[in-house]
Amino acid sequence: MLAIGIDAAEPSLVRRLIDRRELPFLGALLAQGRYGRVLSAAHIGSGAVWPTFLTGSSPFLHGICSIWPWRPETMGASRVTCNALVPFWKAVAMRGHAVGVLDVPFAPPVGLRTGIEITNWGAHDWLEGRTEVSPPALRVLVRDGSGLHPFASGAVDAAGPHDCEGLARVRSLCLAGVRQRGALAARMLAEVPLDLLLVVFTEVHRASHLLWHTIDPTHLAHLREGAGASPAVTGGLLDIYREVDQQVGRLLEAVGSDTTVLVFSLHGMRAHEGIPTILDPLLRSLGLASVKRWEALSWPARARQVFRAVKQRIPPSLKRLYYRLVSRSLMVRIAQPTLMPAYDWSRTIAFPLPTDQHGWIRLNLVGREAQGILDPGEYQAVCSNLEGVLRGLRATDGSRVVRDVLRIARETGGSPPQHLPDLIIHWDDAASASPLRLRTPIISARPIGTKFTGQHAPEGFFILRPGPGARGVINPGGSIAAEDLHQILLGTLEGG
């Protein structure tokens, strides 16, 4: 069994490139097999999709939706740790199958004794730590055959769609990473006896966030920046998709025609204009959140708030230098204390959480938060009131700001979630205005994250070429939930 994840590959773009014969190996797979949709937990948060896949459980159980999860015991956000997650391949290996795993996002190392496991080599979301290889004797395969992935040597980033030099560097390093990943996966197949190889190309994820405007003619950045960009920028994302296809072909040749092959993405990508920041001023204006007065802050807290304000106003030229010179571990240490304002928890009932896409609101609930003040008996009423306010938000031109509001307690039988946000806000297009000005209450805020011109779409895809052991492992109806996707792999191995 060969399973190839293309992280955040957009299904409509993949089909379009196949139809134009620009992805010949994926096209051949599709001609020999079947295509379908992958329905993921991206409506909760992009950070939920890979933990859902690798554990086979929903976010309501594993509790992860962000790389900066809220810690109710410390009243703060910190970098995600995934050591408590148990990937499905651990049980597969314990049943005697030789498993190879290369860079599955959010996957903790499980210490395989047979096969080979490589984690945190070229990850999109760096979770602090170093590359780990199990069994340890196979470290030489990475050291001598592949070396450092470009993502491991520093931030692969750009200051925005105007940063042609930075975007060209993103393209170059992502292409190099795709080739290195294909070469390493091929060596794994050649040098380690395997029943299953699971490899994820993370480079498409990184490139799509920064280069999406180059392929979307409706994107404002495409209209502003496209004419003056170099071919290395304008064709960069498509070059990366094509290179992934070439490496897929390389791996197909290595495994032969009698191997079941699954190519998949868990979520896609769409145009993006920025992450709305209106929730903080909105909750303050409603009297539901309050920040500490300056004189009440400690000197370290004052320094953090000043640094937070300065960081949000860094000019593009300094941002480019920052991304080029600062290590990822230092970026994490810099980011953590600046993620949230200094809320006065004694007067805060509801507060927004750090996010990379959807709006997230958490309630300061007694018995759940260390400094909770909201009585659990009032929980449902506050959620209902907030939902009504959010659904009624309009910009000054009358445009709808919020497309939908999810209440997690509805999915958990009425119980407040322990780790997830209480309310999840799906923004409408008007929310990305800069600035976003509300009609009522009269407040405004500018979006952040505008350097990312692509953002996650909720639906992924799969292409399955069944081998002799794969008959009946998937419903021919054509769609599958992300938490059930691994059943294809298990069905193939057990059936074979």
Protein backbone atom coordinates (compact mmCIF):
# COMPACT_ATOMS: atom_id res chain seq x y z
CA MET A 1 0.00 0.00 0.00
CA LEU A 2 1.32 3.44 -0.98
CA ALA A 3 -0.45 6.48 0.50
CA ILE A 4 0.60 9.95 -0.62
CA GLY A 5 -0.78 13.04 1.08
CA ILE A 6 -0.56 16.36 -0.77
CA ASP A 7 -1.13 18.74 2.10
CA ALA A 8 -3.77 21.40 1.36
CA ALA A 9 -3.95 20.59 -2.35
CA GLU A 10 -7.07 22.21 -3.77
CA PRO A 11 -9.34 19.61 -5.45
CA SER A 12 -10.65 21.92 -8.17
CA LEU A 13 -7.09 22.92 -9.14
CA VAL A 14 -5.93 19.30 -9.21
CA ARG A 15 -8.81 18.32 -11.50
CA ARG A 16 -8.21 21.32 -13.74
CA LEU A 17 -4.51 20.49 -14.11
CA ILE A 18 -5.33 16.83 -14.77
CA ASP A 19 -7.80 17.84 -17.47
CA ARG A 20 -5.09 20.03 -19.04
CA ARG A 21 -2.71 17.05 -18.89
CA GLU A 22 -0.27 18.94 -16.70
CA LEU A 23 -0.33 16.23 -14.02
CA PRO A 24 0.19 13.09 -16.13
CA PHE A 25 0.86 10.64 -13.29
CA LEU A 26 -2.14 11.70 -11.24
CA GLY A 27 -4.15 11.63 -14.46
CA ALA A 28 -3.07 8.05 -15.12
CA LEU A 29 -3.98 7.06 -11.57
CA LEU A 30 -7.39 8.62 -11.98
CA ALA A 31 -7.92 6.76 -15.27
CA GLN A 32 -7.15 3.47 -13.50
CA GLY A 33 -9.09 4.14 -10.31
CA ARG A 34 -11.66 6.38 -8.75
CA TYR A 35 -11.98 9.93 -7.44
CA GLY A 36 -13.90 11.22 -4.45
CA ARG A 37 -14.28 13.92 -1.82
CA VAL A 38 -12.67 14.00 1.58
CA LEU A 39 -14.82 15.68 4.21
CA SER A 40 -12.63 17.03 6.99
CA ALA A 41 -12.84 18.90 10.27
CA ALA A 42 -11.62 22.12 8.64
CA HIS A 43 -14.90 23.80 9.64
CA ILE A 44 -13.58 23.57 13.22
CA GLY A 45 -10.07 24.72 12.33
CA SER A 46 -7.27 23.85 9.94
CA GLY A 47 -5.26 22.48 12.86
CA ALA A 48 -7.90 19.81 13.43
CA VAL A 49 -7.61 17.95 10.12
CA TRP A 50 -4.39 15.98 10.55
CA PRO A 51 -4.99 14.95 14.19
CA THR A 52 -8.43 13.75 13.04
CA PHE A 53 -6.90 11.69 10.22
CA LEU A 54 -4.07 10.14 12.18
CA THR A 55 -6.15 9.22 15.25
CA GLY A 56 -9.35 8.28 13.41
CA SER A 57 -11.32 10.37 15.92
CA SER A 58 -13.13 13.70 15.83
CA PRO A 59 -11.84 17.02 17.27
CA PHE A 60 -14.42 16.63 20.04
CA LEU A 61 -12.32 13.71 21.27
CA HIS A 62 -8.73 14.67 20.47
CA GLY A 63 -9.35 18.37 21.27
CA ILE A 64 -6.90 19.93 18.78
CA CYS A 65 -7.87 22.65 16.31
CA SER A 66 -4.91 25.03 16.42
CA ILE A 67 -1.14 25.15 16.68
CA TRP A 68 -1.72 27.67 19.52
CA PRO A 69 -4.34 25.93 21.71
CA TRP A 70 -5.86 27.56 24.75
CA ARG A 71 -4.65 26.25 28.12
CA PRO A 72 -7.43 26.86 30.69
CA GLU A 73 -5.12 25.93 33.55
CA THR A 74 -2.66 28.74 32.70
CA MET A 75 -5.14 31.20 31.11
CA GLY A 76 -2.97 31.48 28.03
CA ALA A 77 -2.17 29.98 24.64
CA SER A 78 0.95 27.92 24.00
CA ARG A 79 2.43 25.85 21.22
CA VAL A 80 0.55 22.63 20.57
CA THR A 81 1.96 19.34 21.80
CA CYS A 82 0.79 16.14 20.16
CA ASN A 83 2.45 13.49 22.30
CA ALA A 84 -0.91 12.29 23.61
CA LEU A 85 -2.15 11.46 20.10
CA VAL A 86 -1.94 7.80 19.06
CA PRO A 87 -1.56 7.39 15.28
CA PHE A 88 -3.41 4.49 13.68
CA TRP A 89 -0.18 3.06 12.27
CA LYS A 90 1.02 2.14 15.75
CA ALA A 91 -1.66 -0.56 15.93
CA VAL A 92 -0.91 -1.54 12.32
CA ALA A 93 2.74 -2.09 13.22
CA MET A 94 1.81 -4.03 16.35
CA ARG A 95 -0.19 -6.42 14.15
CA GLY A 96 3.01 -7.30 12.32
CA HIS A 97 2.92 -5.00 9.29
CA ALA A 98 6.05 -3.11 8.28
CA VAL A 99 5.10 0.57 8.15
CA GLY A 100 6.95 3.57 6.71
CA VAL A 101 5.89 7.06 7.72
CA LEU A 102 7.38 10.32 6.42
CA ASP A 103 6.35 13.69 7.86
CA VAL A 104 2.66 13.25 8.66
CA PRO A 105 1.68 16.67 10.11
CA PHE A 106 0.97 16.76 13.85
CA ALA A 107 2.03 13.11 14.22
CA PRO A 108 4.12 12.29 17.28
CA PRO A 109 6.85 9.67 16.95
CA VAL A 110 5.70 6.28 18.18
CA GLY A 111 9.07 4.51 18.07
CA LEU A 112 8.57 1.87 15.38
CA ARG A 113 10.80 -1.16 15.83
CA THR A 114 10.35 -2.37 12.27
CA GLY A 115 9.78 -0.39 9.10
CA ILE A 116 10.80 3.26 9.37
CA GLU A 117 9.33 6.41 10.87
CA ILE A 118 10.61 9.92 10.10
CA THR A 119 8.99 12.88 11.86
CA ASN A 120 9.60 16.63 11.89
CA TRP A 121 11.94 16.50 8.90
CA GLY A 122 10.23 18.95 6.56
CA ALA A 123 7.03 19.83 8.41
CA HIS A 124 4.86 22.82 7.46
CA ASP A 125 3.80 23.37 11.08
CA TRP A 126 6.99 23.09 13.10
CA LEU A 127 6.15 21.77 16.54
CA GLU A 128 9.50 22.43 18.22
CA GLY A 129 11.96 19.61 18.36
CA ARG A 130 14.29 17.85 15.99
CA THR A 131 13.99 15.28 13.27
CA GLU A 132 13.42 11.83 14.74
CA VAL A 133 14.01 8.52 12.99
CA SER A 134 12.93 5.09 14.19
CA PRO A 135 14.56 2.64 14.33
CA PRO A 136 17.60 4.80 15.20
CA ALA A 137 19.88 2.65 13.02
CA LEU A 138 18.15 4.10 9.94
CA ARG A 139 19.11 7.69 10.69
CA VAL A 140 21.89 7.27 8.16
CA LEU A 141 19.23 7.03 5.44
CA VAL A 142 18.18 10.61 6.13
CA ARG A 143 21.62 11.98 6.95
CA ASP A 144 23.47 10.62 3.93
CA GLY A 145 20.66 10.37 1.42
CA SER A 146 18.66 13.55 1.89
CA GLY A 147 20.14 15.90 4.45
CA LEU A 148 18.27 18.91 5.77
CA HIS A 149 14.92 19.78 4.24
CA PRO A 150 14.64 23.49 3.32
CA PHE A 151 11.91 23.91 5.94
CA ALA A 152 14.30 22.72 8.65
CA SER A 153 17.00 25.28 7.96
CA GLY A 154 14.88 28.38 8.60
CA ALA A 155 11.60 30.12 7.85
CA VAL A 156 10.38 29.73 4.26
CA ASP A 157 8.25 32.83 4.15
CA ALA A 158 7.58 36.15 2.45
CA ALA A 159 6.34 39.54 3.59
CA GLY A 160 3.35 39.50 1.24
CA PRO A 161 2.28 39.46 -2.42
CA HIS A 162 4.46 42.52 -3.11
CA ASP A 163 7.61 40.69 -1.94
CA CYS A 164 8.71 39.19 -5.28
CA GLU A 165 12.15 38.28 -3.96
CA GLY A 166 10.67 36.45 -0.98
CA LEU A 167 8.04 34.68 -3.11
CA ALA A 168 10.65 33.55 -5.61
CA ARG A 169 12.63 32.11 -2.71
CA VAL A 170 9.50 30.32 -1.44
CA ARG A 171 9.03 28.75 -4.87
CA SER A 172 12.66 27.68 -5.12
CA LEU A 173 12.83 26.14 -1.65
CA CYS A 174 9.47 24.39 -1.94
CA LEU A 175 10.51 22.86 -5.27
CA ALA A 176 13.76 21.70 -3.70
CA GLY A 177 11.81 20.25 -0.77
CA VAL A 178 9.45 18.32 -3.06
CA ARG A 179 12.41 16.76 -4.89
CA GLN A 180 14.20 15.88 -1.66
CA ARG A 181 11.02 14.34 -0.24
CA GLY A 182 10.47 12.24 -3.34
CA ALA A 183 14.07 11.05 -3.25
CA LEU A 184 13.86 10.14 0.45
CA ALA A 185 10.56 8.29 0.00
CA ALA A 186 12.04 6.36 -2.93
CA ARG A 187 15.02 5.36 -0.77
CA MET A 188 12.66 4.22 1.97
CA LEU A 189 10.92 1.95 -0.53
CA ALA A 190 14.19 0.65 -1.93
CA GLU A 191 16.07 0.04 1.32
CA VAL A 192 13.39 -0.87 3.89
CA PRO A 193 10.91 -3.75 3.39
CA LEU A 194 7.49 -2.12 3.79
CA ASP A 195 3.85 -3.19 3.62
CA LEU A 196 2.68 0.44 3.85
CA LEU A 197 4.39 3.72 3.04
CA LEU A 198 2.62 6.93 4.06
CA VAL A 199 4.35 10.11 2.88
CA VAL A 200 3.00 13.67 2.96
CA PHE A 201 4.18 16.46 0.64
CA THR A 202 3.90 19.49 2.92
CA GLU A 203 5.41 21.93 0.43
CA VAL A 204 2.12 22.55 -1.40
CA HIS A 205 0.62 23.78 1.87
CA ARG A 206 3.35 26.36 2.45
CA ALA A 207 3.42 27.58 -1.14
CA SER A 208 -0.37 27.82 -1.47
CA HIS A 209 -0.71 30.17 1.49
CA LEU A 210 1.75 32.63 -0.05
CA LEU A 211 1.29 32.18 -3.82
CA TRP A 212 -2.45 31.63 -4.23
CA HIS A 213 -2.98 35.09 -5.70
CA THR A 214 -0.74 34.16 -8.63
CA ILE A 215 -3.29 31.65 -9.96
CA ASP A 216 -6.54 33.36 -8.94
CA PRO A 217 -7.30 36.25 -11.32
CA THR A 218 -10.10 37.50 -9.05
CA HIS A 219 -7.78 38.01 -6.08
CA LEU A 220 -7.07 41.69 -5.37
CA ALA A 221 -3.37 40.96 -5.00
CA HIS A 222 -3.37 39.34 -8.44
CA LEU A 223 -4.72 42.53 -9.94
CA ARG A 224 -2.26 44.71 -8.00
CA GLU A 225 0.94 42.68 -8.14
CA GLY A 226 0.54 40.22 -11.02
CA ALA A 227 1.66 42.39 -13.90
CA GLY A 228 5.06 43.19 -12.43
CA ALA A 229 5.92 39.79 -10.97
CA SER A 230 8.63 37.57 -12.39
CA PRO A 231 7.85 34.20 -14.02
CA ALA A 232 9.42 32.53 -10.97
CA VAL A 233 6.57 34.02 -8.93
CA THR A 234 3.62 33.87 -11.34
CA GLY A 235 4.19 30.25 -12.27
CA GLY A 236 5.59 29.15 -8.95
CA LEU A 237 2.60 27.38 -7.42
CA LEU A 238 1.81 25.44 -10.59
CA ASP A 239 5.48 24.45 -10.85
CA ILE A 240 5.24 22.95 -7.36
CA TYR A 241 2.07 21.00 -8.21
CA ARG A 242 3.77 19.67 -11.36
CA GLU A 243 6.87 18.66 -9.41
CA VAL A 244 4.75 16.79 -6.86
CA ASP A 245 3.18 14.92 -9.79
CA GLN A 246 6.66 13.98 -11.03
CA GLN A 247 7.58 12.61 -7.62
CA VAL A 248 4.30 10.69 -7.47
CA GLY A 249 5.35 9.11 -10.76
CA ARG A 250 8.73 8.24 -9.29
CA LEU A 251 7.08 6.44 -6.37
CA LEU A 252 4.57 4.67 -8.63
CA GLU A 253 7.43 3.26 -10.65
CA ALA A 254 9.10 2.05 -7.47
CA VAL A 255 6.07 0.12 -6.17
CA GLY A 256 4.72 -1.39 -9.38
CA SER A 257 1.21 -1.89 -10.71
CA ASP A 258 0.01 -4.44 -8.14
CA THR A 259 0.20 -1.97 -5.25
CA THR A 260 -2.87 -0.14 -4.00
CA VAL A 261 -2.22 3.60 -4.28
CA LEU A 262 -4.08 6.35 -2.43
CA VAL A 263 -3.37 10.01 -3.14
CA PHE A 264 -5.28 12.47 -0.99
CA SER A 265 -5.61 15.91 0.54
CA LEU A 266 -7.59 16.54 3.71
CA HIS A 267 -8.56 20.12 2.89
CA GLY A 268 -8.15 22.53 0.01
CA MET A 269 -7.30 26.17 -0.57
CA ARG A 270 -9.13 29.32 -1.63
CA ALA A 271 -8.52 33.07 -1.93
CA HIS A 272 -7.84 34.97 1.27
CA GLU A 273 -7.59 38.67 2.12
CA GLY A 274 -6.72 38.53 5.83
CA ILE A 275 -7.82 37.26 9.23
CA PRO A 276 -10.49 39.49 10.85
CA THR A 277 -9.63 40.92 14.27
CA ILE A 278 -13.01 42.45 15.05
CA LEU A 279 -13.88 40.02 17.86
CA ASP A 280 -11.70 41.67 20.50
CA PRO A 281 -13.17 45.19 20.10
CA LEU A 282 -16.63 43.67 19.66
CA LEU A 283 -16.50 41.76 22.95
CA ARG A 284 -15.09 44.79 24.74
CA SER A 285 -17.85 47.02 23.38
CA LEU A 286 -20.45 44.50 24.58
CA GLY A 287 -18.96 44.59 28.08
CA LEU A 288 -17.98 40.93 27.87
CA ALA A 289 -14.21 41.46 27.84
CA SER A 290 -11.92 43.87 29.60
CA VAL A 291 -8.15 44.42 29.51
CA LYS A 292 -6.04 45.40 32.45
CA ARG A 293 -5.26 49.07 32.93
CA TRP A 294 -1.67 50.04 32.14
CA GLU A 295 -0.90 50.84 35.76
CA ALA A 296 -2.14 47.41 36.82
CA LEU A 297 0.32 45.59 34.56
CA SER A 298 3.66 44.28 35.78
CA TRP A 299 6.75 45.58 34.04
CA PRO A 300 7.21 42.33 32.07
CA ALA A 301 3.54 42.48 31.03
CA ARG A 302 3.97 46.10 29.93
CA ALA A 303 7.00 45.12 27.87
CA ARG A 304 5.01 42.33 26.18
CA GLN A 305 2.17 44.67 25.29
CA VAL A 306 4.54 47.29 23.86
CA PHE A 307 6.33 44.62 21.86
CA ARG A 308 2.98 43.30 20.63
CA ALA A 309 2.01 46.75 19.35
CA VAL A 310 5.40 47.32 17.70
CA LYS A 311 5.38 43.90 16.07
CA GLN A 312 2.02 44.62 14.41
CA ARG A 313 3.49 47.74 12.79
CA ILE A 314 6.80 46.39 11.45
CA PRO A 315 7.39 47.68 7.89
CA PRO A 316 7.65 45.11 5.06
CA SER A 317 11.40 45.59 4.60
CA LEU A 318 12.08 44.59 8.21
CA LYS A 319 9.63 41.70 7.96
CA ARG A 320 11.61 40.28 5.04
CA LEU A 321 14.80 40.48 7.09
CA TYR A 322 13.04 38.91 10.08
CA TYR A 323 11.83 35.90 8.09
CA ARG A 324 15.24 35.42 6.54
CA LEU A 325 17.38 35.62 9.70
CA VAL A 326 15.29 34.52 12.69
CA SER A 327 15.15 30.80 13.51
CA ARG A 328 11.82 29.02 13.86
CA SER A 329 12.35 28.29 17.53
CA LEU A 330 13.02 31.96 18.23
CA MET A 331 9.93 32.94 16.22
CA VAL A 332 7.84 30.70 18.46
CA ARG A 333 9.30 32.23 21.62
CA ILE A 334 8.68 35.74 20.26
CA ALA A 335 5.12 34.97 19.18
CA GLN A 336 3.78 33.28 22.30
CA PRO A 337 3.66 36.24 24.75
CA THR A 338 2.19 38.54 22.08
CA LEU A 339 -0.74 36.37 21.01
CA MET A 340 -3.39 37.96 23.26
CA PRO A 341 -4.02 41.24 25.08
CA ALA A 342 -3.63 41.33 28.86
CA TYR A 343 -7.25 40.54 29.76
CA ASP A 344 -8.57 41.29 33.22
CA TRP A 345 -10.00 37.87 33.94
CA SER A 346 -12.02 39.15 36.89
CA ARG A 347 -14.12 41.20 34.42
CA THR A 348 -13.93 39.06 31.26
CA ILE A 349 -16.78 36.69 30.40
CA ALA A 350 -15.89 35.95 26.75
CA PHE A 351 -12.66 36.39 24.80
CA PRO A 352 -11.30 35.56 21.33
CA LEU A 353 -8.62 32.93 20.86
CA PRO A 354 -5.60 33.21 18.54
CA THR A 355 -6.57 31.87 15.14
CA ASP A 356 -5.32 31.48 11.59
CA GLN A 357 -8.72 31.46 9.90
CA HIS A 358 -12.09 31.21 11.65
CA GLY A 359 -13.17 33.35 14.56
CA TRP A 360 -12.96 31.53 17.88
CA ILE A 361 -14.61 32.64 21.13
CA ARG A 362 -14.08 31.00 24.50
CA LEU A 363 -16.17 31.68 27.60
CA ASN A 364 -14.47 32.25 30.95
CA LEU A 365 -16.37 29.46 32.65
CA VAL A 366 -16.18 28.63 36.35
CA GLY A 367 -14.83 25.11 36.86
CA ARG A 368 -13.16 24.99 33.44
CA GLU A 369 -10.96 28.08 33.30
CA ALA A 370 -8.54 28.61 36.18
CA GLN A 371 -9.88 32.15 36.66
CA GLY A 372 -13.42 31.54 35.44
CA ILE A 373 -16.21 33.94 36.43
CA LEU A 374 -19.19 32.79 34.32
CA ASP A 375 -21.60 30.55 36.21
CA PRO A 376 -22.23 27.30 34.25
CA GLY A 377 -25.95 27.91 34.60
CA GLU A 378 -25.59 31.02 32.40
CA TYR A 379 -23.45 29.31 29.75
CA GLN A 380 -26.18 28.50 27.21
CA ALA A 381 -27.79 31.94 27.52
CA VAL A 382 -24.49 33.75 26.90
CA CYS A 383 -23.78 31.51 23.91
CA SER A 384 -27.25 32.20 22.48
CA ASN A 385 -26.93 35.96 22.95
CA LEU A 386 -23.49 36.01 21.35
CA GLU A 387 -24.67 33.92 18.43
CA GLY A 388 -27.51 36.36 17.80
CA VAL A 389 -25.16 39.35 17.90
CA LEU A 390 -22.67 37.69 15.56
CA ARG A 391 -25.27 36.64 13.01
CA GLY A 392 -26.63 40.18 12.97
CA LEU A 393 -23.30 41.95 12.36
CA ARG A 394 -23.29 44.22 9.31
CA ALA A 395 -20.59 46.39 7.82
CA THR A 396 -21.39 50.07 7.32
CA ASP A 397 -22.39 49.32 3.72
CA GLY A 398 -24.90 46.71 4.92
CA SER A 399 -22.83 43.68 3.93
CA ARG A 400 -23.12 40.59 6.08
CA VAL A 401 -19.98 39.97 8.14
CA VAL A 402 -20.66 36.48 9.53
CA ARG A 403 -21.72 33.59 7.31
CA ASP A 404 -22.30 31.03 10.05
CA VAL A 405 -21.80 30.39 13.77
CA LEU A 406 -21.11 26.93 15.18
CA ARG A 407 -21.75 26.15 18.84
CA ILE A 408 -19.60 23.23 19.89
CA ALA A 409 -21.88 22.35 22.81
CA ARG A 410 -24.56 21.41 20.27
CA GLU A 411 -22.23 18.70 18.98
CA THR A 412 -21.35 17.42 22.45
CA GLY A 413 -24.82 16.95 23.91
CA GLY A 414 -24.92 20.38 25.54
CA SER A 415 -21.68 20.09 27.50
CA PRO A 416 -19.14 22.91 27.15
CA PRO A 417 -16.04 21.67 25.31
CA GLN A 418 -12.97 21.15 27.45
CA HIS A 419 -10.37 22.21 24.87
CA LEU A 420 -12.12 23.61 21.80
CA PRO A 421 -13.64 27.10 21.38
CA ASP A 422 -17.23 27.50 22.49
CA LEU A 423 -18.23 29.45 19.37
CA ILE A 424 -16.70 29.16 15.91
CA ILE A 425 -17.37 32.00 13.48
CA HIS A 426 -17.20 31.46 9.73
CA TRP A 427 -16.62 34.85 8.18
CA ASP A 428 -18.29 36.24 5.10
CA ASP A 429 -16.27 38.07 2.45
CA ALA A 430 -17.00 41.50 3.93
CA ALA A 431 -15.13 40.58 7.12
CA SER A 432 -11.74 40.88 5.40
CA ALA A 433 -12.18 44.60 4.59
CA SER A 434 -9.29 46.77 5.72
CA PRO A 435 -10.51 48.29 7.90
CA LEU A 436 -13.71 46.44 8.70
CA ARG A 437 -16.18 49.00 10.03
CA LEU A 438 -19.33 47.78 11.75
CA ARG A 439 -22.65 49.56 11.64
CA THR A 440 -23.60 48.49 15.19
CA PRO A 441 -21.69 48.71 17.43
CA ILE A 442 -19.63 51.45 15.82
CA ILE A 443 -16.19 49.86 15.92
CA SER A 444 -13.52 48.98 13.38
CA ALA A 445 -10.47 46.76 13.05
CA ARG A 446 -7.92 45.84 10.41
CA PRO A 447 -7.22 42.23 9.44
CA ILE A 448 -3.93 40.49 10.12
CA GLY A 449 -2.17 37.80 8.13
CA THR A 450 -2.65 39.63 4.84
CA LYS A 451 0.61 38.15 3.52
CA PHE A 452 -1.31 34.87 3.17
CA THR A 453 -3.26 35.13 -0.08
CA GLY A 454 -4.55 31.57 0.20
CA GLN A 455 -6.56 30.10 3.06
CA HIS A 456 -8.01 26.66 3.69
CA ALA A 457 -11.17 25.40 2.06
CA PRO A 458 -13.03 22.65 3.91
CA GLU A 459 -13.03 19.89 1.31
CA GLY A 460 -10.21 17.64 0.12
CA PHE A 461 -10.05 14.80 -2.40
CA PHE A 462 -8.78 11.28 -2.92
CA ILE A 463 -7.67 9.27 -5.92
CA LEU A 464 -7.63 5.53 -5.27
CA ARG A 465 -6.12 2.94 -7.57
CA PRO A 466 -7.17 -0.35 -6.01
CA GLY A 467 -4.76 -3.23 -6.00
CA PRO A 468 -5.65 -6.89 -5.43
CA GLY A 469 -6.24 -6.35 -1.69
CA ALA A 470 -8.34 -3.19 -1.92
CA ARG A 471 -11.64 -4.52 -3.19
CA GLY A 472 -14.53 -3.20 -1.15
CA VAL A 473 -12.46 -0.92 1.08
CA ILE A 474 -14.39 2.21 0.09
CA ASN A 475 -17.98 2.98 -0.67
CA PRO A 476 -18.30 3.65 -4.40
CA GLY A 477 -20.50 6.64 -3.54
CA GLY A 478 -17.40 8.81 -3.72
CA SER A 479 -16.94 10.61 -0.40
CA ILE A 480 -15.25 9.75 2.86
CA ALA A 481 -14.68 11.49 6.20
CA ALA A 482 -11.07 12.31 7.09
CA GLU A 483 -11.30 10.23 10.27
CA ASP A 484 -12.28 7.19 8.17
CA LEU A 485 -9.69 7.62 5.43
CA HIS A 486 -7.19 5.34 7.10
CA GLN A 487 -9.70 2.51 6.78
CA ILE A 488 -8.67 2.27 3.13
CA LEU A 489 -5.14 1.55 4.26
CA LEU A 490 -6.22 -0.92 6.95
CA GLY A 491 -8.64 -2.67 4.61
CA THR A 492 -5.93 -3.08 2.01
CA LEU A 493 -3.38 -4.48 4.45
CA GLU A 494 -5.80 -6.85 6.16
CA GLY A 495 -7.43 -7.88 2.88
CA GLY A 496 -4.06 -8.53 1.27
